[in-house]
Amino acid sequence: MGFRVGILATSDRGARGEREHTSAQVIRELVEEELMGEIVEFRIVPDEKPEIMAALIEMTDYYRANLIITTGGIGLKPRDVTPEATLEVIDRPAPGFADAIRIAMLNKELPQALCMRGVSGLRGQTLIMNLPADPKGVHEGMEAIMGFLPDALLQLEGREAEED
């Protein structure tokens, strides 16, 4: 299908090069292997709302990503501002994706599920979704929505999924 995907990791330590962001690698593998998507941009930024917003806008408007998946910055810590940054740049909410991610994490009894404040929404023809920083949470969340992404992304382009 050739969807264009941006991955944005938010982490103070990751942005300073002090931490490898393994959850971004989980996203990359699932996007490339299951969604057959192309990663058009990967970036790590600190937990700063203006930097997160700028990266989301650039991935949408310059790189023309069909899908942007963020990882990190969605918990209860004071510096977890990824949901607020996302809400600032989206035009319309698409809460079903964030809900499905939360439900999947609850069903797997992942401890961070109730503290996850991730959101999902649309900026133009781009779907933006927030995932946690934990690789297991990322995997469970991605697995919950993966089957729905092709149809959603085609709808955003004004097309419909081909029926078998």
C-alpha atoms as a PDB file:
ATOM      1  CA  MET A   1       0.000   0.000   0.000  1.00  0.00           C
ATOM      2  CA  GLY A   2       2.971   2.271   0.501  1.00  0.00           C
ATOM      3  CA  PHE A   3       1.881   4.358   3.467  1.00  0.00           C
ATOM      4  CA  ARG A   4       4.326   7.032   4.593  1.00  0.00           C
ATOM      5  CA  VAL A   5       5.008   6.851   8.326  1.00  0.00           C
ATOM      6  CA  GLY A   6       6.784   9.132  10.769  1.00  0.00           C
ATOM      7  CA  ILE A   7       8.010   7.954  14.168  1.00  0.00           C
ATOM      8  CA  LEU A   8       8.531  10.491  16.938  1.00  0.00           C
ATOM      9  CA  ALA A   9      10.139   9.415  20.208  1.00  0.00           C
ATOM     10  CA  THR A  10       9.870  11.881  23.074  1.00  0.00           C
ATOM     11  CA  SER A  11      12.519  11.467  25.725  1.00  0.00           C
ATOM     12  CA  ASP A  12      14.849  13.888  27.455  1.00  0.00           C
ATOM     13  CA  ARG A  13      17.520  11.208  27.903  1.00  0.00           C
ATOM     14  CA  GLY A  14      17.011   9.849  24.394  1.00  0.00           C
ATOM     15  CA  ALA A  15      17.384  13.311  22.866  1.00  0.00           C
ATOM     16  CA  ARG A  16      20.707  13.688  24.729  1.00  0.00           C
ATOM     17  CA  GLY A  17      21.879  10.301  23.392  1.00  0.00           C
ATOM     18  CA  GLU A  18      21.856   8.729  26.854  1.00  0.00           C
ATOM     19  CA  ARG A  19      19.172   6.158  26.090  1.00  0.00           C
ATOM     20  CA  GLU A  20      18.324   3.976  23.126  1.00  0.00           C
ATOM     21  CA  HIS A  21      14.655   4.124  22.193  1.00  0.00           C
ATOM     22  CA  THR A  22      13.834   0.431  21.689  1.00  0.00           C
ATOM     23  CA  SER A  23      10.101   1.115  21.435  1.00  0.00           C
ATOM     24  CA  ALA A  24      10.731   3.067  18.226  1.00  0.00           C
ATOM     25  CA  GLN A  25      12.372  -0.050  16.790  1.00  0.00           C
ATOM     26  CA  VAL A  26       9.259  -2.084  17.663  1.00  0.00           C
ATOM     27  CA  ILE A  27       7.143   0.474  15.801  1.00  0.00           C
ATOM     28  CA  ARG A  28       9.510   0.437  12.822  1.00  0.00           C
ATOM     29  CA  GLU A  29       9.404  -3.361  12.530  1.00  0.00           C
ATOM     30  CA  LEU A  30       5.609  -3.566  12.774  1.00  0.00           C
ATOM     31  CA  VAL A  31       5.100  -0.720  10.286  1.00  0.00           C
ATOM     32  CA  GLU A  32       7.512  -2.172   7.740  1.00  0.00           C
ATOM     33  CA  GLU A  33       6.547  -5.845   8.119  1.00  0.00           C
ATOM     34  CA  GLU A  34       2.791  -5.736   8.788  1.00  0.00           C
ATOM     35  CA  LEU A  35       1.637  -2.403   7.353  1.00  0.00           C
ATOM     36  CA  MET A  36       4.163  -2.438   4.502  1.00  0.00           C
ATOM     37  CA  GLY A  37       4.786   1.198   5.322  1.00  0.00           C
ATOM     38  CA  GLU A  38       7.799   3.356   4.559  1.00  0.00           C
ATOM     39  CA  ILE A  39       9.436   5.224   7.437  1.00  0.00           C
ATOM     40  CA  VAL A  40       9.894   8.735   6.026  1.00  0.00           C
ATOM     41  CA  GLU A  41      11.221  10.299   9.233  1.00  0.00           C
ATOM     42  CA  PHE A  42      12.371   9.174  12.666  1.00  0.00           C
ATOM     43  CA  ARG A  43      13.205  11.704  15.302  1.00  0.00           C
ATOM     44  CA  ILE A  44      13.884  11.860  19.027  1.00  0.00           C
ATOM     45  CA  VAL A  45      13.017  15.112  20.786  1.00  0.00           C
ATOM     46  CA  PRO A  46      13.066  16.121  24.455  1.00  0.00           C
ATOM     47  CA  ASP A  47       9.857  16.268  26.474  1.00  0.00           C
ATOM     48  CA  GLU A  48       9.224  19.871  25.478  1.00  0.00           C
ATOM     49  CA  LYS A  49       5.832  20.794  24.069  1.00  0.00           C
ATOM     50  CA  PRO A  50       7.134  23.250  21.406  1.00  0.00           C
ATOM     51  CA  GLU A  51       9.674  20.714  20.082  1.00  0.00           C
ATOM     52  CA  ILE A  52       7.087  17.929  19.956  1.00  0.00           C
ATOM     53  CA  MET A  53       4.629  20.191  18.151  1.00  0.00           C
ATOM     54  CA  ALA A  54       7.260  21.332  15.642  1.00  0.00           C
ATOM     55  CA  ALA A  55       8.253  17.736  14.857  1.00  0.00           C
ATOM     56  CA  LEU A  56       4.613  16.671  14.368  1.00  0.00           C
ATOM     57  CA  ILE A  57       3.920  19.626  12.093  1.00  0.00           C
ATOM     58  CA  GLU A  58       7.068  18.999  10.033  1.00  0.00           C
ATOM     59  CA  MET A  59       6.314  15.280   9.650  1.00  0.00           C
ATOM     60  CA  THR A  60       2.788  16.124   8.521  1.00  0.00           C
ATOM     61  CA  ASP A  61       3.332  19.178   6.360  1.00  0.00           C
ATOM     62  CA  TYR A  62       6.854  18.611   4.963  1.00  0.00           C
ATOM     63  CA  TYR A  63       7.290  14.826   4.932  1.00  0.00           C
ATOM     64  CA  ARG A  64       3.606  14.259   4.087  1.00  0.00           C
ATOM     65  CA  ALA A  65       3.313  11.281   6.434  1.00  0.00           C
ATOM     66  CA  ASN A  66       0.028   9.394   6.272  1.00  0.00           C
ATOM     67  CA  LEU A  67       0.601   8.206   9.833  1.00  0.00           C
ATOM     68  CA  ILE A  68       2.682   9.535  12.714  1.00  0.00           C
ATOM     69  CA  ILE A  69       3.237   7.336  15.732  1.00  0.00           C
ATOM     70  CA  THR A  70       4.699   8.880  18.840  1.00  0.00           C
ATOM     71  CA  THR A  71       6.275   6.903  21.646  1.00  0.00           C
ATOM     72  CA  GLY A  72       6.818   8.223  25.135  1.00  0.00           C
ATOM     73  CA  GLY A  73       5.700  11.204  27.149  1.00  0.00           C
ATOM     74  CA  ILE A  74       2.096  10.093  27.762  1.00  0.00           C
ATOM     75  CA  GLY A  75       2.176   9.130  31.435  1.00  0.00           C
ATOM     76  CA  LEU A  76       1.486  11.114  34.585  1.00  0.00           C
ATOM     77  CA  LYS A  77       4.929  12.628  35.104  1.00  0.00           C
ATOM     78  CA  PRO A  78       5.032  16.434  34.993  1.00  0.00           C
ATOM     79  CA  ARG A  79       7.215  16.407  31.844  1.00  0.00           C
ATOM     80  CA  ASP A  80       4.902  13.986  29.966  1.00  0.00           C
ATOM     81  CA  VAL A  81       3.381  16.502  27.543  1.00  0.00           C
ATOM     82  CA  THR A  82       3.062  14.534  24.296  1.00  0.00           C
ATOM     83  CA  PRO A  83      -0.780  14.386  24.478  1.00  0.00           C
ATOM     84  CA  GLU A  84      -1.004  18.140  25.006  1.00  0.00           C
ATOM     85  CA  ALA A  85       1.369  18.805  22.096  1.00  0.00           C
ATOM     86  CA  THR A  86      -0.632  16.435  19.905  1.00  0.00           C
ATOM     87  CA  LEU A  87      -3.911  18.117  20.789  1.00  0.00           C
ATOM     88  CA  GLU A  88      -2.402  21.475  19.787  1.00  0.00           C
ATOM     89  CA  VAL A  89      -1.579  20.309  16.247  1.00  0.00           C
ATOM     90  CA  ILE A  90      -4.548  18.106  15.310  1.00  0.00           C
ATOM     91  CA  ASP A  91      -7.606  19.422  13.489  1.00  0.00           C
ATOM     92  CA  ARG A  92      -9.994  16.677  14.560  1.00  0.00           C
ATOM     93  CA  PRO A  93      -9.909  13.977  17.227  1.00  0.00           C
ATOM     94  CA  ALA A  94      -9.985  10.281  16.287  1.00  0.00           C
ATOM     95  CA  PRO A  95     -10.309   8.793  19.784  1.00  0.00           C
ATOM     96  CA  GLY A  96     -11.047   5.213  18.746  1.00  0.00           C
ATOM     97  CA  PHE A  97      -7.377   4.427  18.174  1.00  0.00           C
ATOM     98  CA  ALA A  98      -6.268   5.680  21.601  1.00  0.00           C
ATOM     99  CA  ASP A  99      -9.208   3.840  23.172  1.00  0.00           C
ATOM    100  CA  ALA A 100      -8.279   0.564  21.446  1.00  0.00           C
ATOM    101  CA  ILE A 101      -4.661   0.924  22.570  1.00  0.00           C
ATOM    102  CA  ARG A 102      -5.737   1.511  26.170  1.00  0.00           C
ATOM    103  CA  ILE A 103      -8.158  -1.437  26.120  1.00  0.00           C
ATOM    104  CA  ALA A 104      -5.501  -3.769  24.684  1.00  0.00           C
ATOM    105  CA  MET A 105      -3.067  -2.735  27.383  1.00  0.00           C
ATOM    106  CA  LEU A 106      -5.706  -3.237  30.091  1.00  0.00           C
ATOM    107  CA  ASN A 107      -6.574  -6.679  28.705  1.00  0.00           C
ATOM    108  CA  LYS A 108      -2.890  -7.648  28.959  1.00  0.00           C
ATOM    109  CA  GLU A 109      -2.824  -6.233  32.507  1.00  0.00           C
ATOM    110  CA  LEU A 110       0.038  -3.893  31.700  1.00  0.00           C
ATOM    111  CA  PRO A 111       0.558  -1.678  34.743  1.00  0.00           C
ATOM    112  CA  GLN A 112       0.868   1.599  32.832  1.00  0.00           C
ATOM    113  CA  ALA A 113      -2.505   1.205  31.081  1.00  0.00           C
ATOM    114  CA  LEU A 114      -4.513   3.338  33.490  1.00  0.00           C
ATOM    115  CA  CYS A 115      -1.853   6.050  33.538  1.00  0.00           C
ATOM    116  CA  MET A 116      -1.688   6.285  29.748  1.00  0.00           C
ATOM    117  CA  ARG A 117      -2.998   9.655  28.569  1.00  0.00           C
ATOM    118  CA  GLY A 118      -2.306   9.112  24.876  1.00  0.00           C
ATOM    119  CA  VAL A 119      -4.575  10.667  22.280  1.00  0.00           C
ATOM    120  CA  SER A 120      -5.159  10.162  18.570  1.00  0.00           C
ATOM    121  CA  GLY A 121      -6.355  12.591  15.943  1.00  0.00           C
ATOM    122  CA  LEU A 122      -6.098  13.984  12.453  1.00  0.00           C
ATOM    123  CA  ARG A 123      -4.022  16.794  11.041  1.00  0.00           C
ATOM    124  CA  GLY A 124      -5.140  17.198   7.458  1.00  0.00           C
ATOM    125  CA  GLN A 125      -4.775  13.751   5.893  1.00  0.00           C
ATOM    126  CA  THR A 126      -2.436  12.458   8.605  1.00  0.00           C
ATOM    127  CA  LEU A 127      -3.410  10.216  11.510  1.00  0.00           C
ATOM    128  CA  ILE A 128      -1.371  10.918  14.653  1.00  0.00           C
ATOM    129  CA  MET A 129      -1.327   8.411  17.531  1.00  0.00           C
ATOM    130  CA  ASN A 130       0.436   8.409  20.899  1.00  0.00           C
ATOM    131  CA  LEU A 131       1.923   5.197  22.289  1.00  0.00           C
ATOM    132  CA  PRO A 132       3.777   4.597  25.562  1.00  0.00           C
ATOM    133  CA  ALA A 133       7.574   4.404  25.854  1.00  0.00           C
ATOM    134  CA  ASP A 134       7.574   0.778  27.035  1.00  0.00           C
ATOM    135  CA  PRO A 135       8.293  -1.673  24.158  1.00  0.00           C
ATOM    136  CA  LYS A 136       5.736  -4.204  25.472  1.00  0.00           C
ATOM    137  CA  GLY A 137       3.042  -1.504  25.668  1.00  0.00           C
ATOM    138  CA  VAL A 138       3.969  -0.327  22.170  1.00  0.00           C
ATOM    139  CA  HIS A 139       3.711  -3.873  20.806  1.00  0.00           C
ATOM    140  CA  GLU A 140       0.330  -4.538  22.435  1.00  0.00           C
ATOM    141  CA  GLY A 141      -1.019  -1.158  21.339  1.00  0.00           C
ATOM    142  CA  MET A 142       0.167  -1.561  17.759  1.00  0.00           C
ATOM    143  CA  GLU A 143      -1.220  -5.096  17.538  1.00  0.00           C
ATOM    144  CA  ALA A 144      -4.626  -3.789  18.673  1.00  0.00           C
ATOM    145  CA  ILE A 145      -4.906  -1.258  15.853  1.00  0.00           C
ATOM    146  CA  MET A 146      -2.788  -2.707  13.058  1.00  0.00           C
ATOM    147  CA  GLY A 147      -5.699  -4.393  11.283  1.00  0.00           C
ATOM    148  CA  PHE A 148      -7.682  -1.139  11.205  1.00  0.00           C
ATOM    149  CA  LEU A 149      -4.928   1.177   9.981  1.00  0.00           C
ATOM    150  CA  PRO A 150      -5.014   0.444   6.220  1.00  0.00           C
ATOM    151  CA  ASP A 151      -8.718   1.244   5.935  1.00  0.00           C
ATOM    152  CA  ALA A 152      -8.392   4.365   8.096  1.00  0.00           C
ATOM    153  CA  LEU A 153      -5.426   5.667   6.099  1.00  0.00           C
ATOM    154  CA  LEU A 154      -7.196   4.998   2.808  1.00  0.00           C
ATOM    155  CA  GLN A 155     -10.252   6.876   4.098  1.00  0.00           C
ATOM    156  CA  LEU A 156      -8.031   9.849   4.915  1.00  0.00           C
ATOM    157  CA  GLU A 157      -6.856   9.853   1.304  1.00  0.00           C
ATOM    158  CA  GLY A 158     -10.470   9.720   0.121  1.00  0.00           C
ATOM    159  CA  ARG A 159     -10.164   6.121  -1.076  1.00  0.00           C
ATOM    160  CA  GLU A 160     -11.720   2.891   0.112  1.00  0.00           C
ATOM    161  CA  ALA A 161     -10.100  -0.423   0.939  1.00  0.00           C
ATOM    162  CA  GLU A 162     -10.290  -3.059  -1.769  1.00  0.00           C
ATOM    163  CA  GLU A 163     -12.618  -5.900  -0.896  1.00  0.00           C
ATOM    164  CA  ASP A 164     -11.463  -9.473  -1.346  1.00  0.00           C
END
